[in-house]
Amino acid sequence: MQVLKGAKEEGFHTVLVTKSTREKFYKRYNNFIDEYIVVDDFTE
């Protein structure tokens, strides 16, 4: 999370890859996550 926040502060477009079971948790931090890629499993 700190890496994403720092990247956003430096002007980068941020992307988070997360499992579908954790999506709701990360959506709370949408002020510094620009794009979400949601997968069922990381083996996809």
N, C-alpha and C. Protein backbone atom coordinates (compact mmCIF):
# COMPACT_ATOMS: atom_id res chain seq x y z
N MET A 1 0.81 -1.17 0.00
CA MET A 1 0.00 0.00 0.00
C MET A 1 0.87 1.26 0.00
N GLN A 2 1.96 1.24 0.75
CA GLN A 2 2.82 2.42 0.79
C GLN A 2 3.47 2.68 -0.57
N VAL A 3 3.79 1.62 -1.29
CA VAL A 3 4.39 1.79 -2.62
C VAL A 3 3.37 2.43 -3.56
N LEU A 4 2.14 1.96 -3.52
CA LEU A 4 1.10 2.55 -4.37
C LEU A 4 0.87 4.02 -4.03
N LYS A 5 0.80 4.32 -2.75
CA LYS A 5 0.57 5.70 -2.32
C LYS A 5 1.73 6.60 -2.76
N GLY A 6 2.95 6.12 -2.58
CA GLY A 6 4.12 6.90 -2.99
C GLY A 6 4.18 7.11 -4.49
N ALA A 7 3.83 6.06 -5.24
CA ALA A 7 3.83 6.17 -6.70
C ALA A 7 2.80 7.20 -7.15
N LYS A 8 1.64 7.19 -6.53
CA LYS A 8 0.59 8.15 -6.89
C LYS A 8 1.05 9.58 -6.58
N GLU A 9 1.70 9.76 -5.43
CA GLU A 9 2.20 11.08 -5.06
C GLU A 9 3.25 11.59 -6.04
N GLU A 10 3.98 10.67 -6.67
CA GLU A 10 4.99 11.04 -7.66
C GLU A 10 4.41 11.21 -9.06
N GLY A 11 3.10 11.00 -9.20
CA GLY A 11 2.43 11.24 -10.47
C GLY A 11 2.25 10.03 -11.36
N PHE A 12 2.53 8.85 -10.84
CA PHE A 12 2.36 7.63 -11.63
C PHE A 12 0.91 7.16 -11.62
N HIS A 13 0.52 6.48 -12.70
CA HIS A 13 -0.76 5.78 -12.78
C HIS A 13 -0.58 4.48 -12.01
N THR A 14 -1.45 4.18 -11.07
CA THR A 14 -1.27 2.99 -10.23
C THR A 14 -2.27 1.91 -10.60
N VAL A 15 -1.78 0.66 -10.55
CA VAL A 15 -2.59 -0.51 -10.86
C VAL A 15 -2.38 -1.54 -9.76
N LEU A 16 -3.47 -2.09 -9.26
CA LEU A 16 -3.41 -3.12 -8.23
C LEU A 16 -4.00 -4.40 -8.78
N VAL A 17 -3.28 -5.50 -8.64
CA VAL A 17 -3.80 -6.82 -8.99
C VAL A 17 -4.16 -7.50 -7.68
N THR A 18 -5.41 -7.93 -7.56
CA THR A 18 -5.88 -8.54 -6.32
C THR A 18 -6.82 -9.70 -6.60
N LYS A 19 -6.90 -10.58 -5.64
CA LYS A 19 -7.87 -11.66 -5.71
C LYS A 19 -9.25 -11.10 -5.44
N SER A 20 -10.25 -11.72 -6.02
CA SER A 20 -11.62 -11.23 -5.88
C SER A 20 -12.07 -11.19 -4.42
N THR A 21 -11.51 -12.04 -3.59
CA THR A 21 -11.89 -12.06 -2.18
C THR A 21 -11.36 -10.86 -1.41
N ARG A 22 -10.39 -10.12 -1.96
CA ARG A 22 -9.80 -8.96 -1.28
C ARG A 22 -10.19 -7.63 -1.92
N GLU A 23 -10.98 -7.68 -2.98
CA GLU A 23 -11.33 -6.46 -3.72
C GLU A 23 -12.00 -5.42 -2.83
N LYS A 24 -12.95 -5.83 -2.02
CA LYS A 24 -13.68 -4.88 -1.17
C LYS A 24 -12.73 -4.14 -0.22
N PHE A 25 -11.75 -4.84 0.32
CA PHE A 25 -10.77 -4.21 1.21
C PHE A 25 -10.01 -3.10 0.50
N TYR A 26 -9.49 -3.40 -0.69
CA TYR A 26 -8.68 -2.42 -1.41
C TYR A 26 -9.49 -1.26 -1.98
N LYS A 27 -10.77 -1.46 -2.24
CA LYS A 27 -11.61 -0.38 -2.77
C LYS A 27 -11.70 0.79 -1.80
N ARG A 28 -11.41 0.55 -0.53
CA ARG A 28 -11.42 1.65 0.46
C ARG A 28 -10.29 2.64 0.20
N TYR A 29 -9.29 2.23 -0.57
CA TYR A 29 -8.12 3.06 -0.83
C TYR A 29 -8.13 3.61 -2.25
N ASN A 30 -9.30 3.86 -2.79
CA ASN A 30 -9.40 4.28 -4.19
C ASN A 30 -8.85 5.68 -4.44
N ASN A 31 -8.44 6.40 -3.39
CA ASN A 31 -7.87 7.72 -3.61
C ASN A 31 -6.45 7.65 -4.17
N PHE A 32 -5.79 6.49 -4.11
CA PHE A 32 -4.47 6.38 -4.72
C PHE A 32 -4.30 5.13 -5.57
N ILE A 33 -5.37 4.39 -5.83
CA ILE A 33 -5.32 3.26 -6.75
C ILE A 33 -6.19 3.63 -7.95
N ASP A 34 -5.57 3.75 -9.12
CA ASP A 34 -6.30 4.17 -10.32
C ASP A 34 -7.05 3.03 -10.99
N GLU A 35 -6.47 1.85 -10.98
CA GLU A 35 -7.04 0.74 -11.74
C GLU A 35 -6.89 -0.55 -10.95
N TYR A 36 -7.91 -1.37 -10.99
CA TYR A 36 -7.90 -2.67 -10.32
C TYR A 36 -7.97 -3.77 -11.37
N ILE A 37 -7.17 -4.79 -11.19
CA ILE A 37 -7.28 -6.01 -11.98
C ILE A 37 -7.64 -7.09 -10.98
N VAL A 38 -8.84 -7.64 -11.11
CA VAL A 38 -9.34 -8.61 -10.14
C VAL A 38 -9.31 -10.00 -10.77
N VAL A 39 -8.67 -10.92 -10.06
CA VAL A 39 -8.55 -12.30 -10.53
C VAL A 39 -9.12 -13.23 -9.47
N ASP A 40 -9.54 -14.41 -9.90
CA ASP A 40 -10.02 -15.41 -8.94
C ASP A 40 -8.85 -16.07 -8.22
N ASP A 41 -7.75 -16.22 -8.94
CA ASP A 41 -6.57 -16.89 -8.39
C ASP A 41 -5.34 -16.33 -9.10
N PHE A 42 -4.23 -16.25 -8.41
CA PHE A 42 -3.03 -15.69 -9.02
C PHE A 42 -2.40 -16.61 -10.06
N THR A 43 -2.91 -17.81 -10.23
CA THR A 43 -2.38 -18.70 -11.26
C THR A 43 -2.98 -18.40 -12.63
N GLU A 44 -3.94 -17.47 -12.69
CA GLU A 44 -4.56 -17.12 -13.98
C GLU A 44 -3.56 -16.52 -14.94
